[in-house]
Protein backbone atom coordinates (compact mmCIF):
# COMPACT_ATOMS: atom_id res chain seq x y z
CA MET A 1 -116.02 135.37 -146.39
CA THR A 2 -113.04 136.96 -145.27
CA VAL A 3 -109.09 135.90 -146.31
CA GLY A 4 -107.32 136.01 -143.23
CA ILE A 5 -103.78 135.16 -141.63
CA SER A 6 -103.16 133.17 -138.55
CA GLY A 7 -99.40 132.99 -138.61
CA ASP A 8 -98.33 136.25 -136.88
CA SER A 9 -94.78 136.43 -138.21
CA CYS A 10 -96.61 136.64 -141.77
CA ALA A 11 -99.12 138.99 -140.19
CA ALA A 12 -97.47 142.26 -142.06
CA VAL A 13 -96.80 141.30 -145.31
CA SER A 14 -100.01 139.44 -145.60
CA ILE A 15 -102.28 142.41 -144.23
CA ALA A 16 -100.29 144.68 -146.32
CA ALA A 17 -100.75 142.32 -149.28
CA GLY A 18 -104.60 142.45 -149.34
CA CYS A 19 -106.00 140.01 -146.26
CA ASP A 20 -108.87 140.81 -144.33
CA ALA A 21 -108.16 139.77 -140.98
CA TRP A 22 -105.21 138.64 -138.83
CA TYR A 23 -106.08 135.73 -136.26
CA SER A 24 -102.95 136.55 -133.49
CA VAL A 25 -101.98 135.01 -130.72
CA ILE A 26 -99.44 138.10 -129.87
CA GLY A 27 -103.12 140.03 -129.73
CA GLY A 28 -104.26 138.53 -126.81
CA ILE A 29 -101.19 139.18 -124.51
CA PHE A 30 -99.48 142.12 -126.28
CA PRO A 31 -102.33 144.14 -127.82
CA HIS A 32 -100.70 147.43 -128.01
CA THR A 33 -97.94 145.95 -129.97
CA ALA A 34 -100.12 143.78 -132.17
CA ARG A 35 -102.53 147.09 -133.04
CA ALA A 36 -99.30 148.86 -134.04
CA LEU A 37 -97.88 146.21 -136.71
CA LEU A 38 -101.74 146.08 -137.80
CA THR A 39 -102.20 149.66 -138.50
CA ALA A 40 -98.94 150.21 -140.16
CA ALA A 41 -99.72 147.07 -142.62
CA GLN A 42 -103.15 148.42 -143.27
CA ALA A 43 -101.92 151.78 -144.28
CA GLN A 44 -99.88 150.20 -146.77
CA ASP A 45 -96.68 151.28 -144.75
CA THR A 46 -95.13 147.76 -145.39
CA SER A 47 -91.43 149.14 -144.37
CA ASP A 48 -92.65 150.13 -141.04
CA ALA A 49 -94.89 147.14 -140.56
CA MET A 50 -91.96 145.15 -141.69
CA GLN A 51 -89.43 146.53 -139.44
CA MET A 52 -91.75 145.99 -136.71
CA SER A 53 -92.32 142.13 -137.70
CA GLU A 54 -88.29 141.80 -137.63
CA ALA A 55 -87.94 143.12 -134.64
CA LEU A 56 -90.35 140.41 -133.25
CA ALA A 57 -88.19 138.02 -134.84
CA PRO A 58 -86.98 136.59 -131.68
CA LEU A 59 -90.17 135.84 -130.69
CA TRP A 60 -91.00 134.20 -134.03
CA GLU A 61 -88.39 131.74 -133.24
CA LEU A 62 -89.40 131.03 -130.12
CA PHE A 63 -92.93 130.25 -131.55
CA THR A 64 -91.26 128.04 -133.87
CA LYS A 65 -88.75 126.19 -131.66
CA TYR A 66 -91.56 125.25 -129.16
CA ARG A 67 -93.94 124.17 -132.21
CA GLY A 68 -96.14 126.97 -131.68
CA SER A 69 -97.38 130.06 -129.69
CA LEU A 70 -99.12 128.20 -126.86
CA ARG A 71 -96.10 127.38 -124.49
CA VAL A 72 -94.32 130.61 -125.23
CA VAL A 73 -97.44 132.91 -124.80
CA ALA A 74 -98.00 131.04 -121.50
CA ALA A 75 -94.51 131.71 -120.08
CA ALA A 76 -95.48 135.48 -121.46
CA ALA A 77 -98.37 135.38 -119.19
CA SER A 78 -96.40 134.26 -116.23
CA LEU A 79 -93.75 136.71 -116.45
CA LEU A 80 -96.61 139.53 -116.77
CA GLY A 81 -98.73 138.42 -114.16
CA ILE A 82 -101.46 137.76 -115.74
CA VAL A 83 -101.51 134.17 -114.75
CA LYS A 84 -99.70 132.08 -111.97
CA ALA A 85 -97.26 129.24 -113.16
CA PRO A 86 -97.20 127.02 -114.13
CA ALA A 87 -99.82 128.42 -116.34
CA LEU A 88 -100.12 125.04 -118.57
CA PRO A 89 -102.36 122.06 -117.63
CA LEU A 90 -100.46 118.50 -117.43
CA PRO A 91 -98.99 116.81 -119.78
CA LEU A 92 -98.26 120.30 -121.25
CA GLN A 93 -94.66 121.65 -120.18
CA PRO A 94 -93.57 125.28 -119.62
CA ILE A 95 -90.37 126.69 -122.07
CA HIS A 96 -86.96 125.95 -120.68
CA THR A 97 -85.75 128.55 -117.92
CA ASP A 98 -82.89 130.06 -120.62
CA ASP A 99 -85.89 130.68 -122.90
CA VAL A 100 -88.20 132.41 -120.06
CA ASN A 101 -85.10 134.51 -119.57
CA LEU A 102 -84.82 135.61 -123.11
CA LEU A 103 -88.73 135.90 -123.49
CA ALA A 104 -88.41 138.51 -120.31
CA SER A 105 -85.49 140.24 -121.91
CA LEU A 106 -87.64 140.31 -125.17
CA ILE A 107 -90.65 141.90 -123.43
CA ASP A 108 -88.57 144.68 -121.83
CA ARG A 109 -86.08 145.35 -124.53
CA LEU A 110 -89.01 145.57 -127.21
CA GLN A 111 -91.48 147.01 -124.81
CA LEU A 112 -94.21 144.44 -125.64
CA LYS A 113 -97.42 145.48 -124.19
C-alpha cells in the first residue's frame, strides 16, 4: 500500500511530508516541470519545491476556476500542438479565450515543459 497525493497544487508539501506517490495531471503534459518539483520535494528541499509550486499558482487557480484540471490541460495540449482544437468531446466546453491566453502566457513565462 502507498500513500499518495493527486492534487497537483498540494504535491510539493505532500511529497516532502512523506507521501509515496504523486498522481499528477501536469506530469502528463509538462513532465520536466513535474519531475523537477518531485525531485526537489523528495530531496527534502522543501523551500525549492514550495517555490516551484508557488510559481505554478496561476495554473492551480485555473484548475480551481474550472473545477478540475481536465479542460485546462486540454487547452494546454492544444496550445502545445499535441492535439487539435477542440480537444474535448461534447458536451464538455473549452476554457474561455481569456484563460487560454493566460495559459499560453504561463507556459511561456514559466517555461513549462
